[in-house]
C-alpha cells in the first residue's frame, strides 16, 4: 500500500513540474528560428562607462543588470495577419506570465507598454513592448537581479552620458534597415 502511495506522490510531483504556461523566455526561444523574427542578446557592456566616473548608485544600478534580449518582428505587406496574431500572443504571454504593467501609451499607429516581473525592490525583469503595424514590433527584455525602477532610470542616464557601443548594436540596426 505504501508503495502505491509513494508512486502516486511521485507522479503528482512530476505532473506538477511540467508547467506548460507560456513564458517570455519560451516565446523568445521558439520565435528566434521563425521567419520574420530576429533576436539579439546584448551585454550590459554596450553602455560606454569606461570614460565616466561612476557614482555608487550608478555602479549599483549597472551591477543589477545582467543582459538585454531583443526580439524583433518585421512587418511587411504579406504578413499582416501574422503580425496581429503575434502581437496578441505577446500580450497574452505578458498577462499569463504575471508581468505588471507600469505604463501603456498609444503612439500613432502603434503603442508601447513597459512591464516588470518581480516585486518592489527585487525586480528580475523589465520588458518594453513596442508595436506598429507599418514597421513591426519589438520586445526588449532587461534581465537582472534586484533591479529597481530607479536603477533602470539611472541606466538610461548612463546611456545618455556615456553613449552606447554601436558595434554591439549593429545587428539590431541592420535588422531595422532591411525591410
N, C-alpha and C. Protein backbone atom coordinates (compact mmCIF):
# COMPACT_ATOMS: atom_id res chain seq x y z
N UNK A 1 0.82 -1.19 0.00
CA UNK A 1 0.00 0.00 0.00
C UNK A 1 0.87 1.27 0.00
N UNK A 2 1.94 1.23 0.82
CA UNK A 2 2.84 2.38 0.87
C UNK A 2 3.46 2.63 -0.50
N UNK A 3 3.75 1.54 -1.17
CA UNK A 3 4.37 1.65 -2.49
C UNK A 3 3.48 2.44 -3.44
N UNK A 4 2.20 2.15 -3.47
CA UNK A 4 1.26 2.87 -4.34
C UNK A 4 1.14 4.34 -3.93
N UNK A 5 1.20 4.59 -2.64
CA UNK A 5 1.14 5.96 -2.15
C UNK A 5 2.36 6.75 -2.66
N UNK A 6 3.55 6.18 -2.51
CA UNK A 6 4.76 6.86 -2.95
C UNK A 6 4.79 7.05 -4.47
N UNK A 7 4.32 6.07 -5.19
CA UNK A 7 4.25 6.21 -6.65
C UNK A 7 3.27 7.31 -7.03
N UNK A 8 2.14 7.38 -6.33
CA UNK A 8 1.15 8.43 -6.60
C UNK A 8 1.72 9.81 -6.31
N UNK A 9 2.41 9.94 -5.19
CA UNK A 9 3.02 11.23 -4.83
C UNK A 9 4.07 11.62 -5.86
N UNK A 10 4.88 10.66 -6.27
CA UNK A 10 5.91 10.93 -7.28
C UNK A 10 5.29 11.38 -8.60
N UNK A 11 4.23 10.72 -9.01
CA UNK A 11 3.55 11.08 -10.26
C UNK A 11 2.95 12.49 -10.17
N UNK A 12 2.39 12.83 -9.02
CA UNK A 12 1.82 14.18 -8.85
C UNK A 12 2.92 15.23 -8.94
N UNK A 13 4.06 14.95 -8.34
CA UNK A 13 5.18 15.90 -8.41
C UNK A 13 5.68 16.07 -9.84
N UNK A 14 5.79 14.97 -10.56
CA UNK A 14 6.24 15.04 -11.95
C UNK A 14 5.26 15.84 -12.78
N UNK A 15 3.98 15.57 -12.62
CA UNK A 15 2.97 16.29 -13.39
C UNK A 15 2.92 17.77 -13.02
N UNK A 16 3.09 18.08 -11.75
CA UNK A 16 3.07 19.47 -11.31
C UNK A 16 4.27 20.24 -11.85
N UNK A 17 5.39 19.56 -12.03
CA UNK A 17 6.59 20.26 -12.51
C UNK A 17 6.57 20.50 -14.01
N UNK A 18 5.68 19.87 -14.72
CA UNK A 18 5.57 20.05 -16.18
C UNK A 18 4.65 21.23 -16.47
N UNK A 19 5.13 22.41 -16.17
CA UNK A 19 4.33 23.62 -16.33
C UNK A 19 4.32 24.04 -17.80
N UNK A 20 3.16 24.08 -18.40
CA UNK A 20 3.05 24.40 -19.81
C UNK A 20 2.61 25.84 -20.07
N UNK A 21 2.54 26.65 -19.01
CA UNK A 21 2.09 28.02 -19.24
C UNK A 21 3.14 28.77 -20.06
N UNK A 22 2.69 29.69 -20.88
CA UNK A 22 3.65 30.41 -21.73
C UNK A 22 4.53 31.35 -20.90
N UNK A 23 5.78 31.45 -21.29
CA UNK A 23 6.69 32.41 -20.68
C UNK A 23 7.36 33.20 -21.81
N UNK A 24 7.84 34.37 -21.47
CA UNK A 24 8.51 35.19 -22.46
C UNK A 24 9.79 34.52 -22.94
N UNK A 25 10.49 33.84 -22.04
CA UNK A 25 11.71 33.13 -22.43
C UNK A 25 11.40 32.05 -23.47
N UNK A 26 10.36 31.26 -23.23
CA UNK A 26 9.96 30.22 -24.19
C UNK A 26 9.57 30.85 -25.52
N UNK A 27 8.87 31.97 -25.46
CA UNK A 27 8.44 32.66 -26.68
C UNK A 27 9.66 33.11 -27.49
N UNK A 28 10.64 33.71 -26.82
CA UNK A 28 11.86 34.16 -27.49
C UNK A 28 12.57 32.99 -28.17
N UNK A 29 12.72 31.89 -27.44
CA UNK A 29 13.42 30.73 -27.99
C UNK A 29 12.68 30.18 -29.20
N UNK A 30 11.37 30.03 -29.07
CA UNK A 30 10.57 29.48 -30.16
C UNK A 30 10.62 30.37 -31.41
N UNK A 31 10.48 31.66 -31.21
CA UNK A 31 10.39 32.59 -32.34
C UNK A 31 11.74 32.93 -32.96
N UNK A 32 12.81 32.68 -32.26
CA UNK A 32 14.13 33.04 -32.79
C UNK A 32 14.47 32.32 -34.09
N UNK A 33 13.84 31.20 -34.33
CA UNK A 33 14.11 30.42 -35.54
C UNK A 33 13.08 30.65 -36.65
N UNK A 34 12.06 31.45 -36.38
CA UNK A 34 10.98 31.62 -37.35
C UNK A 34 11.23 32.79 -38.29
N UNK A 35 10.62 32.68 -39.46
CA UNK A 35 10.68 33.72 -40.47
C UNK A 35 10.07 35.00 -39.89
N UNK A 36 10.56 36.13 -40.29
CA UNK A 36 10.13 37.47 -39.88
C UNK A 36 10.61 37.87 -38.48
N UNK A 37 11.21 36.96 -37.73
CA UNK A 37 11.70 37.27 -36.38
C UNK A 37 13.22 37.30 -36.37
N UNK A 38 13.76 38.17 -35.52
CA UNK A 38 15.20 38.21 -35.27
C UNK A 38 15.40 38.44 -33.78
N UNK A 39 16.40 37.81 -33.23
CA UNK A 39 16.72 38.01 -31.82
C UNK A 39 18.17 38.43 -31.68
N UNK A 40 18.41 39.21 -30.66
CA UNK A 40 19.77 39.67 -30.36
C UNK A 40 19.93 39.70 -28.85
N UNK A 41 21.05 39.19 -28.36
CA UNK A 41 21.41 39.30 -26.95
C UNK A 41 22.49 40.37 -26.85
N UNK A 42 22.31 41.28 -25.92
CA UNK A 42 23.24 42.39 -25.77
C UNK A 42 23.73 42.40 -24.32
N UNK A 43 25.03 42.42 -24.14
CA UNK A 43 25.60 42.51 -22.80
C UNK A 43 25.50 43.93 -22.27
N UNK A 44 25.57 44.06 -20.97
CA UNK A 44 25.45 45.41 -20.39
C UNK A 44 26.65 46.28 -20.75
N UNK A 45 27.68 45.68 -21.31
CA UNK A 45 28.86 46.46 -21.70
C UNK A 45 28.57 47.36 -22.91
N UNK A 46 27.35 47.26 -23.48
CA UNK A 46 27.01 48.16 -24.59
C UNK A 46 26.93 49.60 -24.12
N UNK A 47 26.79 49.78 -22.81
CA UNK A 47 26.78 51.14 -22.24
C UNK A 47 28.23 51.55 -22.03
N UNK A 48 28.63 52.62 -22.67
CA UNK A 48 30.02 53.08 -22.56
C UNK A 48 30.21 53.80 -21.22
N UNK A 49 30.87 53.13 -20.30
CA UNK A 49 31.11 53.73 -18.99
C UNK A 49 32.60 53.88 -18.70
N UNK A 50 33.46 53.44 -19.61
CA UNK A 50 34.89 53.45 -19.35
C UNK A 50 35.46 54.85 -19.11
N UNK A 51 34.86 55.88 -19.67
CA UNK A 51 35.36 57.24 -19.50
C UNK A 51 34.57 58.03 -18.47
N UNK A 52 33.63 57.35 -17.79
CA UNK A 52 32.80 58.01 -16.79
C UNK A 52 33.29 57.66 -15.39
N UNK A 53 33.17 58.62 -14.50
CA UNK A 53 33.42 58.34 -13.08
C UNK A 53 32.05 58.04 -12.48
N UNK A 54 31.82 56.75 -12.20
CA UNK A 54 30.51 56.31 -11.74
C UNK A 54 30.33 56.55 -10.25
N UNK A 55 29.15 57.07 -9.91
CA UNK A 55 28.79 57.20 -8.50
C UNK A 55 28.46 55.82 -7.95
N UNK A 56 28.30 55.73 -6.65
CA UNK A 56 27.94 54.45 -6.03
C UNK A 56 26.58 53.96 -6.55
N UNK A 57 25.62 54.87 -6.70
CA UNK A 57 24.30 54.50 -7.21
C UNK A 57 24.37 54.03 -8.66
N UNK A 58 25.19 54.70 -9.47
CA UNK A 58 25.34 54.29 -10.87
C UNK A 58 25.98 52.91 -10.97
N UNK A 59 26.99 52.67 -10.15
CA UNK A 59 27.66 51.37 -10.14
C UNK A 59 26.69 50.27 -9.71
N UNK A 60 25.90 50.56 -8.68
CA UNK A 60 24.91 49.59 -8.18
C UNK A 60 23.86 49.30 -9.25
N UNK A 61 23.41 50.33 -9.94
CA UNK A 61 22.41 50.15 -11.00
C UNK A 61 22.98 49.29 -12.12
N UNK A 62 24.21 49.55 -12.51
CA UNK A 62 24.85 48.79 -13.58
C UNK A 62 25.04 47.32 -13.18
N UNK A 63 25.40 47.09 -11.93
CA UNK A 63 25.60 45.72 -11.45
C UNK A 63 24.29 44.95 -11.35
N UNK A 64 23.17 45.64 -11.24
CA UNK A 64 21.88 44.95 -11.11
C UNK A 64 21.39 44.38 -12.44
N UNK A 65 21.98 44.83 -13.55
CA UNK A 65 21.57 44.36 -14.87
C UNK A 65 22.52 43.26 -15.34
N UNK A 66 21.94 42.16 -15.83
CA UNK A 66 22.75 41.07 -16.37
C UNK A 66 22.92 41.19 -17.87
N UNK A 67 21.80 41.27 -18.58
CA UNK A 67 21.86 41.36 -20.05
C UNK A 67 20.53 41.85 -20.59
N UNK A 68 20.53 42.10 -21.89
CA UNK A 68 19.33 42.52 -22.60
C UNK A 68 19.08 41.54 -23.73
N UNK A 69 17.81 41.18 -23.90
CA UNK A 69 17.39 40.36 -25.04
C UNK A 69 16.44 41.19 -25.87
N UNK A 70 16.60 41.13 -27.18
CA UNK A 70 15.72 41.87 -28.09
C UNK A 70 15.13 40.88 -29.09
N UNK A 71 13.83 40.96 -29.28
CA UNK A 71 13.13 40.16 -30.29
C UNK A 71 12.41 41.14 -31.20
N UNK A 72 12.68 41.03 -32.50
CA UNK A 72 12.09 41.94 -33.49
C UNK A 72 11.25 41.14 -34.47
N UNK A 73 10.07 41.66 -34.78
CA UNK A 73 9.23 41.12 -35.84
C UNK A 73 9.10 42.20 -36.90
N UNK A 74 9.58 41.91 -38.11
CA UNK A 74 9.50 42.88 -39.21
C UNK A 74 8.16 42.74 -39.91
N UNK A 75 7.43 43.83 -39.99
CA UNK A 75 6.14 43.84 -40.65
C UNK A 75 6.32 44.10 -42.15
N UNK A 76 5.59 43.32 -42.96
CA UNK A 76 5.61 43.52 -44.41
C UNK A 76 4.16 43.52 -44.90
N UNK A 77 3.99 43.81 -46.17
CA UNK A 77 2.65 43.78 -46.75
C UNK A 77 2.05 42.38 -46.72
N UNK A 78 2.90 41.37 -46.71
CA UNK A 78 2.44 39.98 -46.80
C UNK A 78 2.20 39.29 -45.46
N UNK A 79 2.54 39.92 -44.34
CA UNK A 79 2.40 39.22 -43.06
C UNK A 79 1.53 39.96 -42.04
N UNK A 80 0.55 40.71 -42.50
CA UNK A 80 -0.31 41.48 -41.60
C UNK A 80 -1.06 40.58 -40.62
N UNK A 81 -1.56 39.44 -41.09
CA UNK A 81 -2.29 38.53 -40.20
C UNK A 81 -1.34 37.92 -39.15
N UNK A 82 -0.14 37.61 -39.58
CA UNK A 82 0.85 37.06 -38.64
C UNK A 82 1.20 38.11 -37.60
N UNK A 83 1.36 39.36 -38.03
CA UNK A 83 1.64 40.46 -37.10
C UNK A 83 0.56 40.53 -36.03
N UNK A 84 -0.71 40.54 -36.45
CA UNK A 84 -1.82 40.63 -35.50
C UNK A 84 -1.81 39.45 -34.52
N UNK A 85 -1.57 38.25 -35.04
CA UNK A 85 -1.56 37.05 -34.19
C UNK A 85 -0.40 37.10 -33.19
N UNK A 86 0.78 37.50 -33.66
CA UNK A 86 1.95 37.54 -32.78
C UNK A 86 1.83 38.64 -31.74
N UNK A 87 1.25 39.76 -32.12
CA UNK A 87 1.02 40.84 -31.15
C UNK A 87 0.10 40.34 -30.03
N UNK A 88 -0.95 39.63 -30.40
CA UNK A 88 -1.87 39.06 -29.41
C UNK A 88 -1.14 38.02 -28.55
N UNK A 89 -0.27 37.22 -29.17
CA UNK A 89 0.50 36.22 -28.42
C UNK A 89 1.38 36.86 -27.36
N UNK A 90 2.08 37.93 -27.74
CA UNK A 90 2.96 38.60 -26.78
C UNK A 90 2.15 39.19 -25.64
N UNK A 91 1.04 39.83 -25.95
CA UNK A 91 0.19 40.39 -24.90
C UNK A 91 -0.30 39.29 -23.96
N UNK A 92 -0.65 38.14 -24.53
CA UNK A 92 -1.11 37.02 -23.72
C UNK A 92 0.00 36.48 -22.81
N UNK A 93 1.20 36.36 -23.35
CA UNK A 93 2.32 35.88 -22.55
C UNK A 93 2.59 36.83 -21.39
N UNK A 94 2.57 38.13 -21.65
CA UNK A 94 2.80 39.10 -20.58
C UNK A 94 1.74 38.98 -19.50
N UNK A 95 0.51 38.72 -19.91
CA UNK A 95 -0.58 38.56 -18.95
C UNK A 95 -0.46 37.24 -18.18
N UNK A 96 -0.28 36.14 -18.91
CA UNK A 96 -0.24 34.80 -18.31
C UNK A 96 0.99 34.59 -17.43
N UNK A 97 2.09 35.24 -17.76
CA UNK A 97 3.33 35.06 -17.01
C UNK A 97 3.45 36.08 -15.88
N UNK A 98 2.37 36.76 -15.59
CA UNK A 98 2.23 37.66 -14.44
C UNK A 98 3.20 38.84 -14.43
N UNK A 99 3.30 39.52 -15.56
CA UNK A 99 4.04 40.77 -15.61
C UNK A 99 3.12 41.89 -15.16
N UNK A 100 3.66 42.84 -14.42
CA UNK A 100 2.90 44.01 -14.00
C UNK A 100 3.13 45.12 -15.02
N UNK A 101 2.05 45.69 -15.51
CA UNK A 101 2.16 46.77 -16.49
C UNK A 101 2.36 48.09 -15.75
N UNK A 102 3.49 48.75 -16.01
CA UNK A 102 3.79 50.03 -15.39
C UNK A 102 3.24 51.20 -16.19
N UNK A 103 3.27 51.04 -17.51
CA UNK A 103 2.90 52.15 -18.37
C UNK A 103 2.42 51.60 -19.71
N UNK A 104 1.47 52.30 -20.29
CA UNK A 104 0.97 51.92 -21.61
C UNK A 104 0.60 53.21 -22.34
N UNK A 105 1.07 53.34 -23.60
CA UNK A 105 0.77 54.54 -24.38
C UNK A 105 0.47 54.15 -25.81
N UNK A 106 -0.41 54.92 -26.43
CA UNK A 106 -0.66 54.77 -27.86
C UNK A 106 0.23 55.76 -28.59
N UNK A 107 0.83 55.31 -29.67
CA UNK A 107 1.71 56.17 -30.46
C UNK A 107 1.33 56.04 -31.92
N UNK A 108 0.62 57.01 -32.46
CA UNK A 108 0.25 56.97 -33.87
C UNK A 108 -0.45 55.68 -34.22
N UNK A 109 0.16 54.86 -35.05
CA UNK A 109 -0.43 53.60 -35.47
C UNK A 109 -0.01 52.43 -34.60
N UNK A 110 0.55 52.68 -33.44
CA UNK A 110 1.02 51.59 -32.60
C UNK A 110 0.94 51.93 -31.14
N UNK A 111 1.80 51.31 -30.37
CA UNK A 111 1.80 51.56 -28.94
C UNK A 111 3.05 51.02 -28.28
N UNK A 112 3.14 51.31 -26.99
CA UNK A 112 4.26 50.88 -26.17
C UNK A 112 3.73 50.52 -24.79
N UNK A 113 4.30 49.48 -24.21
CA UNK A 113 3.99 49.16 -22.82
C UNK A 113 5.30 48.81 -22.12
N UNK A 114 5.36 49.16 -20.85
CA UNK A 114 6.50 48.83 -20.01
C UNK A 114 5.98 47.95 -18.89
N UNK A 115 6.59 46.78 -18.74
CA UNK A 115 6.13 45.79 -17.78
C UNK A 115 7.30 45.33 -16.91
N UNK A 116 6.97 44.85 -15.72
CA UNK A 116 8.00 44.31 -14.83
C UNK A 116 7.57 42.96 -14.30
N UNK A 117 8.57 42.20 -13.89
CA UNK A 117 8.32 40.93 -13.21
C UNK A 117 9.20 40.94 -11.97
N UNK A 118 8.58 40.74 -10.85
CA UNK A 118 9.27 40.82 -9.57
C UNK A 118 8.49 41.77 -8.69
N UNK A 119 8.99 41.98 -7.49
CA UNK A 119 8.25 42.80 -6.55
C UNK A 119 9.12 43.90 -5.97
N UNK A 120 8.58 45.10 -5.90
CA UNK A 120 9.22 46.22 -5.23
C UNK A 120 10.66 46.44 -5.65
N UNK A 121 11.55 46.21 -4.69
CA UNK A 121 12.98 46.43 -4.91
C UNK A 121 13.68 45.19 -5.47
N UNK A 122 12.92 44.18 -5.84
CA UNK A 122 13.50 42.92 -6.31
C UNK A 122 12.95 42.56 -7.69
N UNK A 123 13.11 43.45 -8.63
CA UNK A 123 12.61 43.23 -9.98
C UNK A 123 13.63 42.39 -10.75
N UNK A 124 13.14 41.31 -11.34
CA UNK A 124 14.00 40.40 -12.10
C UNK A 124 14.08 40.79 -13.57
N UNK A 125 13.04 41.46 -14.04
CA UNK A 125 12.94 41.68 -15.48
C UNK A 125 12.08 42.91 -15.78
N UNK A 126 12.59 43.75 -16.66
CA UNK A 126 11.82 44.84 -17.25
C UNK A 126 11.57 44.47 -18.70
N UNK A 127 10.37 44.71 -19.18
CA UNK A 127 10.04 44.39 -20.56
C UNK A 127 9.41 45.61 -21.21
N UNK A 128 9.96 46.01 -22.34
CA UNK A 128 9.38 47.09 -23.15
C UNK A 128 8.85 46.43 -24.42
N UNK A 129 7.56 46.61 -24.67
CA UNK A 129 6.91 46.04 -25.85
C UNK A 129 6.45 47.19 -26.74
N UNK A 130 7.02 47.28 -27.95
CA UNK A 130 6.66 48.32 -28.92
C UNK A 130 6.00 47.65 -30.11
N UNK A 131 4.97 48.28 -30.64
CA UNK A 131 4.35 47.71 -31.83
C UNK A 131 3.79 48.81 -32.72
N UNK A 132 3.94 48.60 -34.02
CA UNK A 132 3.41 49.49 -35.03
C UNK A 132 3.14 48.64 -36.27
N UNK A 133 1.91 48.66 -36.73
CA UNK A 133 1.51 47.79 -37.83
C UNK A 133 2.37 48.00 -39.09
N UNK A 134 2.84 49.22 -39.32
CA UNK A 134 3.62 49.52 -40.52
C UNK A 134 5.05 48.98 -40.45
N UNK A 135 5.67 49.04 -39.28
CA UNK A 135 7.08 48.66 -39.17
C UNK A 135 7.31 47.32 -38.48
N UNK A 136 6.41 46.93 -37.60
CA UNK A 136 6.56 45.67 -36.88
C UNK A 136 6.48 45.88 -35.39
N UNK A 137 7.13 44.99 -34.67
CA UNK A 137 7.11 45.09 -33.21
C UNK A 137 8.42 44.59 -32.64
N UNK A 138 8.66 45.00 -31.42
CA UNK A 138 9.86 44.56 -30.73
C UNK A 138 9.60 44.38 -29.26
N UNK A 139 10.32 43.44 -28.68
CA UNK A 139 10.26 43.20 -27.25
C UNK A 139 11.69 43.31 -26.73
N UNK A 140 11.90 44.19 -25.76
CA UNK A 140 13.19 44.36 -25.11
C UNK A 140 13.06 43.84 -23.69
N UNK A 141 13.86 42.85 -23.37
CA UNK A 141 13.89 42.30 -22.01
C UNK A 141 15.18 42.75 -21.35
N UNK A 142 15.06 43.40 -20.20
CA UNK A 142 16.22 43.76 -19.40
C UNK A 142 16.21 42.81 -18.21
N UNK A 143 17.19 41.90 -18.18
CA UNK A 143 17.25 40.88 -17.14
C UNK A 143 18.29 41.25 -16.10
N UNK A 144 17.96 40.99 -14.83
CA UNK A 144 18.91 41.30 -13.78
C UNK A 144 18.47 40.75 -12.45
N UNK A 145 19.16 41.19 -11.42
CA UNK A 145 18.87 40.76 -10.05
C UNK A 145 18.60 41.99 -9.20
N UNK A 146 17.50 41.95 -8.50
CA UNK A 146 17.14 43.02 -7.56
C UNK A 146 17.21 44.41 -8.20
N UNK A 147 16.72 44.51 -9.42
CA UNK A 147 16.65 45.82 -10.07
C UNK A 147 15.50 46.61 -9.45
N UNK A 148 15.60 47.91 -9.54
CA UNK A 148 14.53 48.79 -9.11
C UNK A 148 14.21 49.74 -10.26
N UNK A 149 13.04 50.36 -10.22
CA UNK A 149 12.75 51.38 -11.24
C UNK A 149 13.81 52.48 -11.27
N UNK A 150 14.34 52.84 -10.09
CA UNK A 150 15.40 53.85 -10.04
C UNK A 150 16.66 53.38 -10.75
N UNK A 151 16.99 52.09 -10.62
CA UNK A 151 18.15 51.54 -11.33
C UNK A 151 18.00 51.70 -12.83
N UNK A 152 16.82 51.39 -13.32
CA UNK A 152 16.58 51.49 -14.76
C UNK A 152 16.71 52.94 -15.21
N UNK A 153 16.17 53.87 -14.45
CA UNK A 153 16.28 55.29 -14.81
C UNK A 153 17.75 55.74 -14.75
N UNK A 154 18.49 55.23 -13.78
CA UNK A 154 19.91 55.55 -13.68
C UNK A 154 20.66 55.03 -14.90
N UNK A 155 20.32 53.83 -15.35
CA UNK A 155 20.97 53.26 -16.54
C UNK A 155 20.65 54.08 -17.78
N UNK A 156 19.41 54.54 -17.88
CA UNK A 156 19.05 55.42 -19.00
C UNK A 156 19.92 56.67 -18.97
N UNK A 157 20.13 57.22 -17.78
CA UNK A 157 21.01 58.38 -17.63
C UNK A 157 22.44 58.07 -18.03
N UNK A 158 22.93 56.88 -17.68
CA UNK A 158 24.29 56.48 -18.07
C UNK A 158 24.42 56.37 -19.58
N UNK A 159 23.39 55.86 -20.22
CA UNK A 159 23.40 55.77 -21.69
C UNK A 159 23.48 57.16 -22.29
N UNK A 160 22.73 58.09 -21.71
CA UNK A 160 22.75 59.47 -22.22
C UNK A 160 24.11 60.11 -22.00
N UNK A 161 24.74 59.85 -20.84
CA UNK A 161 26.04 60.45 -20.54
C UNK A 161 27.19 59.79 -21.30
N UNK A 162 27.21 58.47 -21.32
CA UNK A 162 28.36 57.76 -21.88
C UNK A 162 28.18 57.29 -23.31
N UNK A 163 26.94 57.16 -23.73
CA UNK A 163 26.68 56.66 -25.07
C UNK A 163 26.63 55.14 -25.10
N UNK A 164 26.51 54.61 -26.32
CA UNK A 164 26.39 53.17 -26.50
C UNK A 164 27.46 52.67 -27.45
N UNK A 165 27.86 51.43 -27.25
CA UNK A 165 28.81 50.76 -28.13
C UNK A 165 28.06 50.33 -29.38
N UNK A 166 28.24 51.08 -30.45
CA UNK A 166 27.49 50.82 -31.68
C UNK A 166 27.81 49.46 -32.29
N UNK A 167 28.98 48.90 -32.01
CA UNK A 167 29.33 47.59 -32.56
C UNK A 167 28.40 46.51 -32.01
N UNK A 168 28.03 46.61 -30.74
CA UNK A 168 27.11 45.64 -30.16
C UNK A 168 25.69 45.82 -30.67
N UNK A 169 25.36 47.04 -31.08
CA UNK A 169 24.01 47.33 -31.55
C UNK A 169 23.89 47.22 -33.07
N UNK A 170 25.00 46.98 -33.77
CA UNK A 170 24.98 46.91 -35.23
C UNK A 170 24.00 45.87 -35.77
N UNK A 171 23.94 44.65 -35.21
CA UNK A 171 22.97 43.69 -35.74
C UNK A 171 21.53 44.19 -35.64
N UNK A 172 21.24 44.90 -34.57
CA UNK A 172 19.90 45.46 -34.40
C UNK A 172 19.63 46.53 -35.45
N UNK A 173 20.59 47.37 -35.70
CA UNK A 173 20.43 48.42 -36.71
C UNK A 173 20.29 47.82 -38.11
N UNK A 174 21.03 46.76 -38.38
CA UNK A 174 20.92 46.09 -39.68
C UNK A 174 19.52 45.52 -39.90
N UNK A 175 18.96 44.95 -38.85
CA UNK A 175 17.61 44.40 -38.95
C UNK A 175 16.61 45.50 -39.26
N UNK A 176 16.77 46.63 -38.60
CA UNK A 176 15.82 47.73 -38.78
C UNK A 176 15.93 48.35 -40.17
N UNK A 177 17.11 48.32 -40.78
CA UNK A 177 17.29 48.89 -42.12
C UNK A 177 16.65 48.03 -43.19
N UNK A 178 16.80 46.72 -43.09
CA UNK A 178 16.33 45.80 -44.13
C UNK A 178 14.84 45.56 -43.98
N UNK A 179 14.06 46.14 -44.84
CA UNK A 179 12.60 45.97 -44.81
C UNK A 179 12.17 44.98 -45.84
